[in-house]
Amino acid sequence: MRSARLFSSFQPSRREDNAPATLYALVRAMGARVTKTAVWETLREHPDSASLLGLSDVLTTWRIENTALQLASVEQFRELPRPSWPTSANARAGLR
């Protein structure tokens, strides 16, 4: 399963590390070349850094298309179209 592989290498050491670790795993899986330091610093500057709003705003800042959804069931999640992550995500985001 792809999601299992996506997050297999990240294990945040503290609860407050979860949001940046998750964001880093996601952008790396998308092919964006971004450092852990860049993720942590950019997210830390956001007033809602540990929220979905913070994650979405950081992705938007990096010009990475994203959408936040509130779903009522797992079935609704299964019905969503799979994302098509372009290999040039890092170029669009201006990340190195």
C-alpha atoms as a PDB file:
ATOM      1  CA  MET A   1       0.000   0.000   0.000  1.00  0.00           C
ATOM      2  CA  ARG A   2       1.432   3.354  -1.041  1.00  0.00           C
ATOM      3  CA  SER A   3       0.421   5.273   2.104  1.00  0.00           C
ATOM      4  CA  ALA A   4       2.225   2.728   4.265  1.00  0.00           C
ATOM      5  CA  ARG A   5       5.427   3.301   2.299  1.00  0.00           C
ATOM      6  CA  LEU A   6       4.938   7.068   2.302  1.00  0.00           C
ATOM      7  CA  PHE A   7       5.062   7.340   6.080  1.00  0.00           C
ATOM      8  CA  SER A   8       7.195   4.319   6.898  1.00  0.00           C
ATOM      9  CA  SER A   9      10.375   6.329   7.462  1.00  0.00           C
ATOM     10  CA  PHE A  10       9.031   9.081   9.662  1.00  0.00           C
ATOM     11  CA  GLN A  11       8.539   8.738  13.373  1.00  0.00           C
ATOM     12  CA  PRO A  12       8.167  12.067  15.145  1.00  0.00           C
ATOM     13  CA  SER A  13       9.745  12.029  18.582  1.00  0.00           C
ATOM     14  CA  ARG A  14       7.238  14.417  20.139  1.00  0.00           C
ATOM     15  CA  ARG A  15       3.600  15.195  19.478  1.00  0.00           C
ATOM     16  CA  GLU A  16       4.413  18.749  18.351  1.00  0.00           C
ATOM     17  CA  ASP A  17       6.711  17.260  15.700  1.00  0.00           C
ATOM     18  CA  ASN A  18       3.836  15.463  13.961  1.00  0.00           C
ATOM     19  CA  ALA A  19       2.675  18.285  11.637  1.00  0.00           C
ATOM     20  CA  PRO A  20       6.116  19.159  10.216  1.00  0.00           C
ATOM     21  CA  ALA A  21       7.122  15.501   9.918  1.00  0.00           C
ATOM     22  CA  THR A  22       3.909  14.714   8.059  1.00  0.00           C
ATOM     23  CA  LEU A  23       4.285  17.721   5.765  1.00  0.00           C
ATOM     24  CA  TYR A  24       7.905  16.801   5.017  1.00  0.00           C
ATOM     25  CA  ALA A  25       6.955  13.209   4.153  1.00  0.00           C
ATOM     26  CA  LEU A  26       4.175  14.455   1.877  1.00  0.00           C
ATOM     27  CA  VAL A  27       6.243  16.977  -0.091  1.00  0.00           C
ATOM     28  CA  ARG A  28       9.099  14.498  -0.472  1.00  0.00           C
ATOM     29  CA  ALA A  29       6.668  11.856  -1.782  1.00  0.00           C
ATOM     30  CA  MET A  30       5.447  14.423  -4.297  1.00  0.00           C
ATOM     31  CA  GLY A  31       8.981  14.872  -5.577  1.00  0.00           C
ATOM     32  CA  ALA A  32       9.516  18.357  -4.190  1.00  0.00           C
ATOM     33  CA  ARG A  33      13.091  18.956  -3.150  1.00  0.00           C
ATOM     34  CA  VAL A  34      12.727  20.610   0.225  1.00  0.00           C
ATOM     35  CA  THR A  35      14.794  20.283   3.364  1.00  0.00           C
ATOM     36  CA  LYS A  36      13.484  19.329   6.772  1.00  0.00           C
ATOM     37  CA  THR A  37      14.770  22.656   8.043  1.00  0.00           C
ATOM     38  CA  ALA A  38      12.748  24.580   5.446  1.00  0.00           C
ATOM     39  CA  VAL A  39       9.589  22.691   6.398  1.00  0.00           C
ATOM     40  CA  TRP A  40      10.107  23.219  10.124  1.00  0.00           C
ATOM     41  CA  GLU A  41      10.966  26.912   9.824  1.00  0.00           C
ATOM     42  CA  THR A  42       8.169  27.755   7.389  1.00  0.00           C
ATOM     43  CA  LEU A  43       5.577  25.895   9.414  1.00  0.00           C
ATOM     44  CA  ARG A  44       6.835  27.312  12.731  1.00  0.00           C
ATOM     45  CA  GLU A  45       6.276  30.862  11.407  1.00  0.00           C
ATOM     46  CA  HIS A  46       2.586  30.142  10.766  1.00  0.00           C
ATOM     47  CA  PRO A  47       0.248  31.154  13.628  1.00  0.00           C
ATOM     48  CA  ASP A  48      -1.712  27.886  13.219  1.00  0.00           C
ATOM     49  CA  SER A  49       1.281  25.657  12.569  1.00  0.00           C
ATOM     50  CA  ALA A  50      -0.152  22.471  14.085  1.00  0.00           C
ATOM     51  CA  SER A  51      -3.428  22.675  12.190  1.00  0.00           C
ATOM     52  CA  LEU A  52      -4.621  21.625   8.757  1.00  0.00           C
ATOM     53  CA  LEU A  53      -4.884  25.349   7.937  1.00  0.00           C
ATOM     54  CA  GLY A  54      -1.182  25.758   8.679  1.00  0.00           C
ATOM     55  CA  LEU A  55      -0.221  22.819   6.473  1.00  0.00           C
ATOM     56  CA  SER A  56      -2.463  24.052   3.643  1.00  0.00           C
ATOM     57  CA  ASP A  57      -1.142  27.606   3.856  1.00  0.00           C
ATOM     58  CA  VAL A  58       2.472  26.420   3.710  1.00  0.00           C
ATOM     59  CA  LEU A  59       1.723  24.287   0.642  1.00  0.00           C
ATOM     60  CA  THR A  60      -0.025  27.264  -0.968  1.00  0.00           C
ATOM     61  CA  THR A  61       2.977  29.487  -0.182  1.00  0.00           C
ATOM     62  CA  TRP A  62       5.161  26.970  -2.011  1.00  0.00           C
ATOM     63  CA  ARG A  63       2.670  26.966  -4.911  1.00  0.00           C
ATOM     64  CA  ILE A  64       1.749  23.334  -4.313  1.00  0.00           C
ATOM     65  CA  GLU A  65      -1.901  22.814  -5.114  1.00  0.00           C
ATOM     66  CA  ASN A  66      -3.853  21.430  -2.167  1.00  0.00           C
ATOM     67  CA  THR A  67      -7.346  21.069  -0.761  1.00  0.00           C
ATOM     68  CA  ALA A  68      -8.518  20.536   2.808  1.00  0.00           C
ATOM     69  CA  LEU A  69     -11.637  18.427   3.209  1.00  0.00           C
ATOM     70  CA  GLN A  70     -13.841  17.324   6.064  1.00  0.00           C
ATOM     71  CA  LEU A  71     -15.297  13.921   5.277  1.00  0.00           C
ATOM     72  CA  ALA A  72     -17.986  12.053   7.173  1.00  0.00           C
ATOM     73  CA  SER A  73     -16.844   8.534   6.324  1.00  0.00           C
ATOM     74  CA  VAL A  74     -14.059   6.369   5.007  1.00  0.00           C
ATOM     75  CA  GLU A  75     -16.273   5.646   2.003  1.00  0.00           C
ATOM     76  CA  GLN A  76     -16.216   9.322   1.048  1.00  0.00           C
ATOM     77  CA  PHE A  77     -12.435   9.178   1.175  1.00  0.00           C
ATOM     78  CA  ARG A  78     -12.338   6.095  -1.042  1.00  0.00           C
ATOM     79  CA  GLU A  79     -14.485   7.883  -3.628  1.00  0.00           C
ATOM     80  CA  LEU A  80     -12.052  10.768  -4.004  1.00  0.00           C
ATOM     81  CA  PRO A  81      -9.932  10.807  -7.159  1.00  0.00           C
ATOM     82  CA  ARG A  82      -6.295   9.962  -6.570  1.00  0.00           C
ATOM     83  CA  PRO A  83      -3.911  12.916  -6.818  1.00  0.00           C
ATOM     84  CA  SER A  84      -1.700  13.194  -9.851  1.00  0.00           C
ATOM     85  CA  TRP A  85       1.570  14.443  -8.476  1.00  0.00           C
ATOM     86  CA  PRO A  86       3.650  15.997 -11.239  1.00  0.00           C
ATOM     87  CA  THR A  87       7.335  15.258 -11.202  1.00  0.00           C
ATOM     88  CA  SER A  88       7.963  18.973 -11.561  1.00  0.00           C
ATOM     89  CA  ALA A  89       6.284  19.844  -8.258  1.00  0.00           C
ATOM     90  CA  ASN A  90       9.570  21.183  -6.959  1.00  0.00           C
ATOM     91  CA  ALA A  91       9.961  23.488  -9.978  1.00  0.00           C
ATOM     92  CA  ARG A  92       6.432  24.856  -9.554  1.00  0.00           C
ATOM     93  CA  ALA A  93       7.000  25.341  -5.849  1.00  0.00           C
ATOM     94  CA  GLY A  94      10.353  27.034  -6.293  1.00  0.00           C
ATOM     95  CA  LEU A  95      11.946  24.535  -3.890  1.00  0.00           C
ATOM     96  CA  ARG A  96      15.470  23.203  -4.007  1.00  0.00           C
END
